[in-house]
Each structure stands twice: as C-alpha cells, then as structure tokens.
Amino acid sequence: GATVLAAEDAEAARKAWASLDSEVAVVLMSARASGFLAAELADT
C-alpha cells in the first residue's frame, strides 16, 4: 500500500522528493537515494 517512487539517479531522486505532498508522513528510501538527497534530508 505504499506509494512507490522509482529513482535511478540523483536527478530523478530530487525530482521525486520535490513531488512529495503534505499528505506524506513517512519516507523509506534506498541507501543510494538517501545519498543523493543528503541536503534535503538535513532540512526535513
């Protein structure tokens, strides 16, 4: 039942992150995606 956002590279991961809406409560991510989103994760 999770919303799945596939992101194979940094650009796709950032685009997926930017698409998150106010209804999102939890984001589970791959280790690779978390590396791409380090700056965003520091400020969420």
Full PDB file with SEQRES, HELIX, SHEET, SSBOND, CRYST1, ORIGX, SCALE, CONECT and MASTER records, all heavy atoms in Angstrom:
SEQRES   1 A   44  GLY ALA THR VAL LEU ALA ALA GLU ASP ALA GLU ALA ALA          
SEQRES   2 A   44  ARG LYS ALA TRP ALA SER LEU ASP SER GLU VAL ALA VAL          
SEQRES   3 A   44  VAL LEU MET SER ALA ARG ALA SER GLY PHE LEU ALA ALA          
SEQRES   4 A   44  GLU LEU ALA ASP THR                                          
HELIX    1 AA1 ALA A   10  ALA A   18  1                                   9    
HELIX    2 AA2 ALA A   31  PHE A   36  1                                   6    
HELIX    3 AA3 ALA A   38  ALA A   42  1                                   5    
CRYST1    1.000    1.000    1.000  90.00  90.00  90.00 P 1           1          
ORIGX1      1.000000  0.000000  0.000000        0.00000                         
ORIGX2      0.000000  1.000000  0.000000        0.00000                         
ORIGX3      0.000000  0.000000  1.000000        0.00000                         
SCALE1      1.000000  0.000000  0.000000        0.00000                         
SCALE2      0.000000  1.000000  0.000000        0.00000                         
SCALE3      0.000000  0.000000  1.000000        0.00000                         
ATOM      1  N   GLY A   1       0.775  -1.232   0.000  1.00  0.00           N  
ATOM      2  CA  GLY A   1       0.000   0.000   0.000  1.00  0.00           C  
ATOM      3  C   GLY A   1       0.805   1.279   0.000  1.00  0.00           C  
ATOM      4  O   GLY A   1       0.240   2.369   0.070  1.00  0.00           O  
ATOM      5  N   ALA A   2       2.112   1.170  -0.075  1.00  0.00           N  
ATOM      6  CA  ALA A   2       2.950   2.364  -0.115  1.00  0.00           C  
ATOM      7  C   ALA A   2       2.932   2.986  -1.507  1.00  0.00           C  
ATOM      8  O   ALA A   2       2.727   2.300  -2.506  1.00  0.00           O  
ATOM      9  CB  ALA A   2       4.391   2.011   0.263  1.00  0.00           C  
ATOM     10  N   THR A   3       3.176   4.280  -1.536  1.00  0.00           N  
ATOM     11  CA  THR A   3       3.377   4.970  -2.801  1.00  0.00           C  
ATOM     12  C   THR A   3       4.837   4.777  -3.186  1.00  0.00           C  
ATOM     13  O   THR A   3       5.738   5.127  -2.410  1.00  0.00           O  
ATOM     14  CB  THR A   3       3.077   6.474  -2.660  1.00  0.00           C  
ATOM     15  OG1 THR A   3       1.719   6.628  -2.266  1.00  0.00           O  
ATOM     16  CG2 THR A   3       3.324   7.209  -3.959  1.00  0.00           C  
ATOM     17  N   VAL A   4       5.084   4.206  -4.337  1.00  0.00           N  
ATOM     18  CA  VAL A   4       6.447   3.904  -4.769  1.00  0.00           C  
ATOM     19  C   VAL A   4       6.903   4.934  -5.795  1.00  0.00           C  
ATOM     20  O   VAL A   4       6.216   5.184  -6.783  1.00  0.00           O  
ATOM     21  CB  VAL A   4       6.530   2.479  -5.358  1.00  0.00           C  
ATOM     22  CG1 VAL A   4       7.892   2.223  -5.982  1.00  0.00           C  
ATOM     23  CG2 VAL A   4       6.232   1.451  -4.285  1.00  0.00           C  
ATOM     24  N   LEU A   5       8.054   5.539  -5.531  1.00  0.00           N  
ATOM     25  CA  LEU A   5       8.660   6.489  -6.453  1.00  0.00           C  
ATOM     26  C   LEU A   5      10.030   5.944  -6.863  1.00  0.00           C  
ATOM     27  O   LEU A   5      10.984   6.009  -6.086  1.00  0.00           O  
ATOM     28  CB  LEU A   5       8.807   7.865  -5.792  1.00  0.00           C  
ATOM     29  CG  LEU A   5       7.510   8.529  -5.307  1.00  0.00           C  
ATOM     30  CD1 LEU A   5       7.826   9.833  -4.584  1.00  0.00           C  
ATOM     31  CD2 LEU A   5       6.562   8.763  -6.464  1.00  0.00           C  
ATOM     32  N   ALA A   6      10.095   5.409  -8.056  1.00  0.00           N  
ATOM     33  CA  ALA A   6      11.358   4.853  -8.547  1.00  0.00           C  
ATOM     34  C   ALA A   6      12.266   5.993  -8.987  1.00  0.00           C  
ATOM     35  O   ALA A   6      11.821   6.920  -9.667  1.00  0.00           O  
ATOM     36  CB  ALA A   6      11.103   3.902  -9.699  1.00  0.00           C  
ATOM     37  N   ALA A   7      13.517   5.923  -8.577  1.00  0.00           N  
ATOM     38  CA  ALA A   7      14.502   6.951  -8.926  1.00  0.00           C  
ATOM     39  C   ALA A   7      15.849   6.265  -9.091  1.00  0.00           C  
ATOM     40  O   ALA A   7      16.414   5.774  -8.117  1.00  0.00           O  
ATOM     41  CB  ALA A   7      14.564   8.018  -7.839  1.00  0.00           C  
ATOM     42  N   GLU A   8      16.327   6.238 -10.297  1.00  0.00           N  
ATOM     43  CA  GLU A   8      17.574   5.523 -10.605  1.00  0.00           C  
ATOM     44  C   GLU A   8      18.823   6.389 -10.500  1.00  0.00           C  
ATOM     45  O   GLU A   8      19.935   5.867 -10.480  1.00  0.00           O  
ATOM     46  CB  GLU A   8      17.498   4.921 -12.011  1.00  0.00           C  
ATOM     47  CG  GLU A   8      16.319   3.978 -12.219  1.00  0.00           C  
ATOM     48  CD  GLU A   8      16.362   2.732 -11.344  1.00  0.00           C  
ATOM     49  OE1 GLU A   8      17.462   2.273 -10.990  1.00  0.00           O  
ATOM     50  OE2 GLU A   8      15.280   2.224 -11.009  1.00  0.00           O  
ATOM     51  N   ASP A   9      18.650   7.712 -10.470  1.00  0.00           N  
ATOM     52  CA  ASP A   9      19.813   8.605 -10.406  1.00  0.00           C  
ATOM     53  C   ASP A   9      19.484   9.816  -9.535  1.00  0.00           C  
ATOM     54  O   ASP A   9      18.366   9.970  -9.048  1.00  0.00           O  
ATOM     55  CB  ASP A   9      20.258   9.035 -11.805  1.00  0.00           C  
ATOM     56  CG  ASP A   9      19.160   9.709 -12.613  1.00  0.00           C  
ATOM     57  OD1 ASP A   9      18.287  10.378 -12.028  1.00  0.00           O  
ATOM     58  OD2 ASP A   9      19.175   9.574 -13.841  1.00  0.00           O  
ATOM     59  N   ALA A  10      20.480  10.683  -9.337  1.00  0.00           N  
ATOM     60  CA  ALA A  10      20.310  11.837  -8.451  1.00  0.00           C  
ATOM     61  C   ALA A  10      19.210  12.769  -8.929  1.00  0.00           C  
ATOM     62  O   ALA A  10      18.401  13.250  -8.123  1.00  0.00           O  
ATOM     63  CB  ALA A  10      21.633  12.590  -8.326  1.00  0.00           C  
ATOM     64  N   GLU A  11      19.155  13.037 -10.208  1.00  0.00           N  
ATOM     65  CA  GLU A  11      18.134  13.944 -10.734  1.00  0.00           C  
ATOM     66  C   GLU A  11      16.730  13.396 -10.479  1.00  0.00           C  
ATOM     67  O   GLU A  11      15.828  14.122 -10.040  1.00  0.00           O  
ATOM     68  CB  GLU A  11      18.347  14.171 -12.232  1.00  0.00           C  
ATOM     69  CG  GLU A  11      17.357  15.135 -12.832  1.00  0.00           C  
ATOM     70  CD  GLU A  11      17.588  15.362 -14.313  1.00  0.00           C  
ATOM     71  OE1 GLU A  11      18.646  14.971 -14.841  1.00  0.00           O  
ATOM     72  OE2 GLU A  11      16.701  15.944 -14.943  1.00  0.00           O  
ATOM     73  N   ALA A  12      16.533  12.120 -10.732  1.00  0.00           N  
ATOM     74  CA  ALA A  12      15.228  11.506 -10.509  1.00  0.00           C  
ATOM     75  C   ALA A  12      14.871  11.490  -9.026  1.00  0.00           C  
ATOM     76  O   ALA A  12      13.706  11.699  -8.660  1.00  0.00           O  
ATOM     77  CB  ALA A  12      15.207  10.096 -11.081  1.00  0.00           C  
ATOM     78  N   ALA A  13      15.852  11.256  -8.166  1.00  0.00           N  
ATOM     79  CA  ALA A  13      15.599  11.244  -6.723  1.00  0.00           C  
ATOM     80  C   ALA A  13      15.178  12.628  -6.242  1.00  0.00           C  
ATOM     81  O   ALA A  13      14.226  12.763  -5.471  1.00  0.00           O  
ATOM     82  CB  ALA A  13      16.839  10.766  -5.973  1.00  0.00           C  
ATOM     83  N   ARG A  14      15.857  13.657  -6.705  1.00  0.00           N  
ATOM     84  CA  ARG A  14      15.494  15.028  -6.311  1.00  0.00           C  
ATOM     85  C   ARG A  14      14.125  15.422  -6.844  1.00  0.00           C  
ATOM     86  O   ARG A  14      13.343  16.086  -6.158  1.00  0.00           O  
ATOM     87  CB  ARG A  14      16.565  16.012  -6.766  1.00  0.00           C  
ATOM     88  CG  ARG A  14      17.837  15.885  -5.970  1.00  0.00           C  
ATOM     89  CD  ARG A  14      18.858  16.960  -6.300  1.00  0.00           C  
ATOM     90  NE  ARG A  14      20.117  16.603  -5.719  1.00  0.00           N  
ATOM     91  CZ  ARG A  14      21.138  16.075  -6.395  1.00  0.00           C  
ATOM     92  NH1 ARG A  14      21.062  15.890  -7.699  1.00  0.00           N  
ATOM     93  NH2 ARG A  14      22.256  15.755  -5.774  1.00  0.00           N  
ATOM     94  N   LYS A  15      13.822  14.999  -8.054  1.00  0.00           N  
ATOM     95  CA  LYS A  15      12.505  15.286  -8.633  1.00  0.00           C  
ATOM     96  C   LYS A  15      11.408  14.571  -7.835  1.00  0.00           C  
ATOM     97  O   LYS A  15      10.362  15.156  -7.543  1.00  0.00           O  
ATOM     98  CB  LYS A  15      12.470  14.857 -10.095  1.00  0.00           C  
ATOM     99  CG  LYS A  15      11.210  15.238 -10.808  1.00  0.00           C  
ATOM    100  CD  LYS A  15      11.292  14.899 -12.291  1.00  0.00           C  
ATOM    101  CE  LYS A  15      10.011  15.288 -12.990  1.00  0.00           C  
ATOM    102  NZ  LYS A  15      10.077  15.026 -14.435  1.00  0.00           N  
ATOM    103  N   ALA A  16      11.650  13.322  -7.471  1.00  0.00           N  
ATOM    104  CA  ALA A  16      10.683  12.568  -6.676  1.00  0.00           C  
ATOM    105  C   ALA A  16      10.488  13.230  -5.316  1.00  0.00           C  
ATOM    106  O   ALA A  16       9.359  13.375  -4.833  1.00  0.00           O  
ATOM    107  CB  ALA A  16      11.141  11.120  -6.526  1.00  0.00           C  
ATOM    108  N   TRP A  17      11.580  13.639  -4.684  1.00  0.00           N  
ATOM    109  CA  TRP A  17      11.494  14.296  -3.377  1.00  0.00           C  
ATOM    110  C   TRP A  17      10.678  15.581  -3.486  1.00  0.00           C  
ATOM    111  O   TRP A  17       9.822  15.860  -2.649  1.00  0.00           O  
ATOM    112  CB  TRP A  17      12.896  14.596  -2.849  1.00  0.00           C  
ATOM    113  CG  TRP A  17      12.869  15.212  -1.487  1.00  0.00           C  
ATOM    114  CD1 TRP A  17      12.902  16.536  -1.177  1.00  0.00           C  
ATOM    115  CD2 TRP A  17      12.790  14.530  -0.232  1.00  0.00           C  
ATOM    116  NE1 TRP A  17      12.848  16.727   0.176  1.00  0.00           N  
ATOM    117  CE2 TRP A  17      12.781  15.501   0.773  1.00  0.00           C  
ATOM    118  CE3 TRP A  17      12.730  13.184   0.116  1.00  0.00           C  
ATOM    119  CZ2 TRP A  17      12.710  15.175   2.128  1.00  0.00           C  
ATOM    120  CZ3 TRP A  17      12.673  12.871   1.473  1.00  0.00           C  
ATOM    121  CH2 TRP A  17      12.660  13.853   2.455  1.00  0.00           C  
ATOM    122  N   ALA A  18      10.924  16.355  -4.518  1.00  0.00           N  
ATOM    123  CA  ALA A  18      10.210  17.617  -4.711  1.00  0.00           C  
ATOM    124  C   ALA A  18       8.714  17.393  -4.944  1.00  0.00           C  
ATOM    125  O   ALA A  18       7.906  18.289  -4.682  1.00  0.00           O  
ATOM    126  CB  ALA A  18      10.815  18.393  -5.870  1.00  0.00           C  
ATOM    127  N   SER A  19       8.348  16.206  -5.421  1.00  0.00           N  
ATOM    128  CA  SER A  19       6.936  15.917  -5.705  1.00  0.00           C  
ATOM    129  C   SER A  19       6.150  15.496  -4.469  1.00  0.00           C  
ATOM    130  O   SER A  19       4.932  15.355  -4.541  1.00  0.00           O  
ATOM    131  CB  SER A  19       6.830  14.824  -6.772  1.00  0.00           C  
ATOM    132  OG  SER A  19       7.104  13.543  -6.221  1.00  0.00           O  
ATOM    133  N   LEU A  20       6.813  15.287  -3.337  1.00  0.00           N  
ATOM    134  CA  LEU A  20       6.111  14.855  -2.132  1.00  0.00           C  
ATOM    135  C   LEU A  20       5.132  15.935  -1.689  1.00  0.00           C  
ATOM    136  O   LEU A  20       5.471  17.116  -1.657  1.00  0.00           O  
ATOM    137  CB  LEU A  20       7.102  14.570  -0.999  1.00  0.00           C  
ATOM    138  CG  LEU A  20       8.127  13.467  -1.263  1.00  0.00           C  
ATOM    139  CD1 LEU A  20       9.065  13.337  -0.068  1.00  0.00           C  
ATOM    140  CD2 LEU A  20       7.465  12.152  -1.585  1.00  0.00           C  
ATOM    141  N   ASP A  21       3.918  15.513  -1.348  1.00  0.00           N  
ATOM    142  CA  ASP A  21       2.925  16.496  -0.930  1.00  0.00           C  
ATOM    143  C   ASP A  21       2.740  16.475   0.588  1.00  0.00           C  
ATOM    144  O   ASP A  21       3.388  15.713   1.300  1.00  0.00           O  
ATOM    145  CB  ASP A  21       1.598  16.288  -1.665  1.00  0.00           C  
ATOM    146  CG  ASP A  21       0.954  14.945  -1.376  1.00  0.00           C  
ATOM    147  OD1 ASP A  21       1.156  14.406  -0.268  1.00  0.00           O  
ATOM    148  OD2 ASP A  21       0.236  14.440  -2.247  1.00  0.00           O  
ATOM    149  N   SER A  22       1.851  17.303   1.067  1.00  0.00           N  
ATOM    150  CA  SER A  22       1.659  17.461   2.512  1.00  0.00           C  
ATOM    151  C   SER A  22       1.022  16.241   3.182  1.00  0.00           C  
ATOM    152  O   SER A  22       0.997  16.154   4.406  1.00  0.00           O  
ATOM    153  CB  SER A  22       0.806  18.694   2.791  1.00  0.00           C  
ATOM    154  OG  SER A  22      -0.473  18.539   2.210  1.00  0.00           O  
ATOM    155  N   GLU A  23       0.519  15.300   2.405  1.00  0.00           N  
ATOM    156  CA  GLU A  23      -0.078  14.090   2.956  1.00  0.00           C  
ATOM    157  C   GLU A  23       0.967  13.039   3.344  1.00  0.00           C  
ATOM    158  O   GLU A  23       0.659  12.080   4.045  1.00  0.00           O  
ATOM    159  CB  GLU A  23      -1.062  13.476   1.956  1.00  0.00           C  
ATOM    160  CG  GLU A  23      -2.266  14.342   1.680  1.00  0.00           C  
ATOM    161  CD  GLU A  23      -3.107  14.578   2.926  1.00  0.00           C  
ATOM    162  OE1 GLU A  23      -3.387  13.604   3.636  1.00  0.00           O  
ATOM    163  OE2 GLU A  23      -3.460  15.739   3.180  1.00  0.00           O  
ATOM    164  N   VAL A  24       2.198  13.209   2.899  1.00  0.00           N  
ATOM    165  CA  VAL A  24       3.250  12.228   3.171  1.00  0.00           C  
ATOM    166  C   VAL A  24       3.696  12.341   4.625  1.00  0.00           C  
ATOM    167  O   VAL A  24       4.010  13.432   5.112  1.00  0.00           O  
ATOM    168  CB  VAL A  24       4.454  12.426   2.215  1.00  0.00           C  
ATOM    169  CG1 VAL A  24       5.594  11.488   2.583  1.00  0.00           C  
ATOM    170  CG2 VAL A  24       4.022  12.218   0.782  1.00  0.00           C  
ATOM    171  N   ALA A  25       3.714  11.207   5.317  1.00  0.00           N  
ATOM    172  CA  ALA A  25       4.132  11.173   6.715  1.00  0.00           C  
ATOM    173  C   ALA A  25       5.478  10.480   6.900  1.00  0.00           C  
ATOM    174  O   ALA A  25       6.264  10.856   7.767  1.00  0.00           O  
ATOM    175  CB  ALA A  25       3.084  10.464   7.559  1.00  0.00           C  
ATOM    176  N   VAL A  26       5.748   9.463   6.069  1.00  0.00           N  
ATOM    177  CA  VAL A  26       6.958   8.654   6.216  1.00  0.00           C  
ATOM    178  C   VAL A  26       7.561   8.410   4.841  1.00  0.00           C  
ATOM    179  O   VAL A  26       6.843   8.120   3.885  1.00  0.00           O  
ATOM    180  CB  VAL A  26       6.635   7.282   6.858  1.00  0.00           C  
ATOM    181  CG1 VAL A  26       7.872   6.412   6.955  1.00  0.00           C  
ATOM    182  CG2 VAL A  26       5.982   7.457   8.213  1.00  0.00           C  
ATOM    183  N   VAL A  27       8.892   8.543   4.760  1.00  0.00           N  
ATOM    184  CA  VAL A  27       9.606   8.226   3.520  1.00  0.00           C  
ATOM    185  C   VAL A  27      10.665   7.184   3.842  1.00  0.00           C  
ATOM    186  O   VAL A  27      11.562   7.413   4.652  1.00  0.00           O  
ATOM    187  CB  VAL A  27      10.269   9.470   2.896  1.00  0.00           C  
ATOM    188  CG1 VAL A  27      10.981   9.095   1.608  1.00  0.00           C  
ATOM    189  CG2 VAL A  27       9.244  10.567   2.637  1.00  0.00           C  
ATOM    190  N   LEU A  28      10.526   6.031   3.222  1.00  0.00           N  
ATOM    191  CA  LEU A  28      11.512   4.956   3.314  1.00  0.00           C  
ATOM    192  C   LEU A  28      12.300   4.999   2.019  1.00  0.00           C  
ATOM    193  O   LEU A  28      11.711   5.107   0.944  1.00  0.00           O  
ATOM    194  CB  LEU A  28      10.803   3.608   3.463  1.00  0.00           C  
ATOM    195  CG  LEU A  28      11.665   2.356   3.479  1.00  0.00           C  
ATOM    196  CD1 LEU A  28      12.598   2.378   4.682  1.00  0.00           C  
ATOM    197  CD2 LEU A  28      10.794   1.118   3.502  1.00  0.00           C  
ATOM    198  N   MET A  29      13.610   4.982   2.099  1.00  0.00           N  
ATOM    199  CA  MET A  29      14.396   5.102   0.868  1.00  0.00           C  
ATOM    200  C   MET A  29      15.587   4.173   0.854  1.00  0.00           C  
ATOM    201  O   MET A  29      16.052   3.715   1.903  1.00  0.00           O  
ATOM    202  CB  MET A  29      14.841   6.540   0.660  1.00  0.00           C  
ATOM    203  CG  MET A  29      15.811   7.061   1.673  1.00  0.00           C  
ATOM    204  SD  MET A  29      15.999   8.843   1.604  1.00  0.00           S  
ATOM    205  CE  MET A  29      14.463   9.338   2.355  1.00  0.00           C  
ATOM    206  N   SER A  30      16.053   3.916  -0.362  1.00  0.00           N  
ATOM    207  CA  SER A  30      17.249   3.100  -0.525  1.00  0.00           C  
ATOM    208  C   SER A  30      18.460   3.899  -0.046  1.00  0.00           C  
ATOM    209  O   SER A  30      18.428   5.136   0.029  1.00  0.00           O  
ATOM    210  CB  SER A  30      17.423   2.704  -1.991  1.00  0.00           C  
ATOM    211  OG  SER A  30      17.739   3.843  -2.774  1.00  0.00           O  
ATOM    212  N   ALA A  31      19.535   3.197   0.257  1.00  0.00           N  
ATOM    213  CA  ALA A  31      20.764   3.859   0.690  1.00  0.00           C  
ATOM    214  C   ALA A  31      21.284   4.793  -0.396  1.00  0.00           C  
ATOM    215  O   ALA A  31      21.745   5.910  -0.107  1.00  0.00           O  
ATOM    216  CB  ALA A  31      21.817   2.816   1.060  1.00  0.00           C  
ATOM    217  N   ARG A  32      21.185   4.358  -1.630  1.00  0.00           N  
ATOM    218  CA  ARG A  32      21.666   5.185  -2.744  1.00  0.00           C  
ATOM    219  C   ARG A  32      20.852   6.474  -2.855  1.00  0.00           C  
ATOM    220  O   ARG A  32      21.412   7.559  -2.998  1.00  0.00           O  
ATOM    221  CB  ARG A  32      21.604   4.388  -4.039  1.00  0.00           C  
ATOM    222  CG  ARG A  32      22.238   5.071  -5.202  1.00  0.00           C  
ATOM    223  CD  ARG A  32      22.353   4.118  -6.377  1.00  0.00           C  
ATOM    224  NE  ARG A  32      22.988   4.787  -7.494  1.00  0.00           N  
ATOM    225  CZ  ARG A  32      22.678   4.599  -8.741  1.00  0.00           C  
ATOM    226  NH1 ARG A  32      21.752   3.720  -9.067  1.00  0.00           N  
ATOM    227  NH2 ARG A  32      23.300   5.242  -9.690  1.00  0.00           N  
ATOM    228  N   ALA A  33      19.529   6.364  -2.766  1.00  0.00           N  
ATOM    229  CA  ALA A  33      18.678   7.552  -2.842  1.00  0.00           C  
ATOM    230  C   ALA A  33      18.963   8.500  -1.687  1.00  0.00           C  
ATOM    231  O   ALA A  33      18.986   9.722  -1.862  1.00  0.00           O  
ATOM    232  CB  ALA A  33      17.209   7.157  -2.860  1.00  0.00           C  
ATOM    233  N   SER A  34      19.191   7.955  -0.505  1.00  0.00           N  
ATOM    234  CA  SER A  34      19.481   8.827   0.640  1.00  0.00           C  
ATOM    235  C   SER A  34      20.782   9.597   0.433  1.00  0.00           C  
ATOM    236  O   SER A  34      20.899  10.743   0.852  1.00  0.00           O  
ATOM    237  CB  SER A  34      19.525   8.034   1.940  1.00  0.00           C  
ATOM    238  OG  SER A  34      20.684   7.238   2.018  1.00  0.00           O  
ATOM    239  N   GLY A  35      21.740   8.985  -0.241  1.00  0.00           N  
ATOM    240  CA  GLY A  35      22.976   9.702  -0.565  1.00  0.00           C  
ATOM    241  C   GLY A  35      22.731  10.852  -1.522  1.00  0.00           C  
ATOM    242  O   GLY A  35      23.308  11.933  -1.367  1.00  0.00           O  
ATOM    243  N   PHE A  36      21.855  10.629  -2.487  1.00  0.00           N  
ATOM    244  CA  PHE A  36      21.514  11.681  -3.437  1.00  0.00           C  
ATOM    245  C   PHE A  36      20.779  12.835  -2.758  1.00  0.00           C  
ATOM    246  O   PHE A  36      20.828  13.968  -3.215  1.00  0.00           O  
ATOM    247  CB  PHE A  36      20.616  11.144  -4.556  1.00  0.00           C  
ATOM    248  CG  PHE A  36      21.258  10.128  -5.466  1.00  0.00           C  
ATOM    249  CD1 PHE A  36      20.484   9.117  -6.019  1.00  0.00           C  
ATOM    250  CD2 PHE A  36      22.604  10.167  -5.779  1.00  0.00           C  
ATOM    251  CE1 PHE A  36      21.038   8.180  -6.876  1.00  0.00           C  
ATOM    252  CE2 PHE A  36      23.174   9.230  -6.620  1.00  0.00           C  
ATOM    253  CZ  PHE A  36      22.392   8.230  -7.171  1.00  0.00           C  
ATOM    254  N   LEU A  37      20.063  12.538  -1.675  1.00  0.00           N  
ATOM    255  CA  LEU A  37      19.187  13.516  -1.033  1.00  0.00           C  
ATOM    256  C   LEU A  37      19.733  14.024   0.304  1.00  0.00           C  
ATOM    257  O   LEU A  37      18.971  14.521   1.134  1.00  0.00           O  
ATOM    258  CB  LEU A  37      17.805  12.897  -0.816  1.00  0.00           C  
ATOM    259  CG  LEU A  37      17.060  12.505  -2.085  1.00  0.00           C  
ATOM    260  CD1 LEU A  37      15.831  11.674  -1.742  1.00  0.00           C  
ATOM    261  CD2 LEU A  37      16.675  13.744  -2.874  1.00  0.00           C  
ATOM    262  N   ALA A  38      21.027  13.945   0.497  1.00  0.00           N  
ATOM    263  CA  ALA A  38      21.614  14.322   1.788  1.00  0.00           C  
ATOM    264  C   ALA A  38      21.220  15.732   2.222  1.00  0.00           C  
ATOM    265  O   ALA A  38      20.845  15.955   3.376  1.00  0.00           O  
ATOM    266  CB  ALA A  38      23.127  14.185   1.728  1.00  0.00           C  
ATOM    267  N   ALA A  39      21.276  16.696   1.330  1.00  0.00           N  
ATOM    268  CA  ALA A  39      20.931  18.079   1.689  1.00  0.00           C  
ATOM    269  C   ALA A  39      19.457  18.205   2.043  1.00  0.00           C  
ATOM    270  O   ALA A  39      19.095  18.878   3.021  1.00  0.00           O  
ATOM    271  CB  ALA A  39      21.279  19.018   0.535  1.00  0.00           C  
ATOM    272  N   GLU A  40      18.602  17.553   1.284  1.00  0.00           N  
ATOM    273  CA  GLU A  40      17.167  17.614   1.542  1.00  0.00           C  
ATOM    274  C   GLU A  40      16.816  16.947   2.869  1.00  0.00           C  
ATOM    275  O   GLU A  40      15.974  17.432   3.621  1.00  0.00           O  
ATOM    276  CB  GLU A  40      16.387  16.955   0.402  1.00  0.00           C  
ATOM    277  CG  GLU A  40      16.414  17.718  -0.905  1.00  0.00           C  
ATOM    278  CD  GLU A  40      17.656  17.463  -1.766  1.00  0.00           C  
ATOM    279  OE1 GLU A  40      18.644  16.851  -1.283  1.00  0.00           O  
ATOM    280  OE2 GLU A  40      17.630  17.878  -2.931  1.00  0.00           O  
ATOM    281  N   LEU A  41      17.480  15.849   3.176  1.00  0.00           N  
ATOM    282  CA  LEU A  41      17.201  15.119   4.410  1.00  0.00           C  
ATOM    283  C   LEU A  41      17.649  15.893   5.644  1.00  0.00           C  
ATOM    284  O   LEU A  41      17.059  15.754   6.718  1.00  0.00           O  
ATOM    285  CB  LEU A  41      17.866  13.747   4.383  1.00  0.00           C  
ATOM    286  CG  LEU A  41      17.310  12.792   3.337  1.00  0.00           C  
ATOM    287  CD1 LEU A  41      18.153  11.523   3.288  1.00  0.00           C  
ATOM    288  CD2 LEU A  41      15.855  12.472   3.615  1.00  0.00           C  
ATOM    289  N   ALA A  42      18.679  16.716   5.487  1.00  0.00           N  
ATOM    290  CA  ALA A  42      19.177  17.503   6.608  1.00  0.00           C  
ATOM    291  C   ALA A  42      18.187  18.597   6.999  1.00  0.00           C  
ATOM    292  O   ALA A  42      18.254  19.128   8.111  1.00  0.00           O  
ATOM    293  CB  ALA A  42      20.527  18.122   6.247  1.00  0.00           C  
ATOM    294  N   ASP A  43      17.258  18.905   6.104  1.00  0.00           N  
ATOM    295  CA  ASP A  43      16.336  20.021   6.334  1.00  0.00           C  
ATOM    296  C   ASP A  43      14.883  19.577   6.158  1.00  0.00           C  
ATOM    297  O   ASP A  43      14.116  20.224   5.455  1.00  0.00           O  
ATOM    298  CB  ASP A  43      16.678  21.160   5.369  1.00  0.00           C  
ATOM    299  CG  ASP A  43      15.906  22.420   5.683  1.00  0.00           C  
ATOM    300  OD1 ASP A  43      15.688  22.701   6.870  1.00  0.00           O  
ATOM    301  OD2 ASP A  43      15.501  23.124   4.736  1.00  0.00           O  
ATOM    302  N   THR A  44      14.501  18.471   6.766  1.00  0.00           N  
ATOM    303  CA  THR A  44      13.118  17.995   6.650  1.00  0.00           C  
ATOM    304  C   THR A  44      12.547  17.644   8.010  1.00  0.00           C  
ATOM    305  O   THR A  44      13.282  17.290   8.932  1.00  0.00           O  
ATOM    306  CB  THR A  44      13.005  16.775   5.717  1.00  0.00           C  
ATOM    307  OG1 THR A  44      11.629  16.487   5.504  1.00  0.00           O  
ATOM    308  CG2 THR A  44      13.713  15.564   6.277  1.00  0.00           C  
TER     309      THR A  44                                                      
MASTER        0    0    0    3    0    0    0    6  308    1    0    4          
END                                                                             
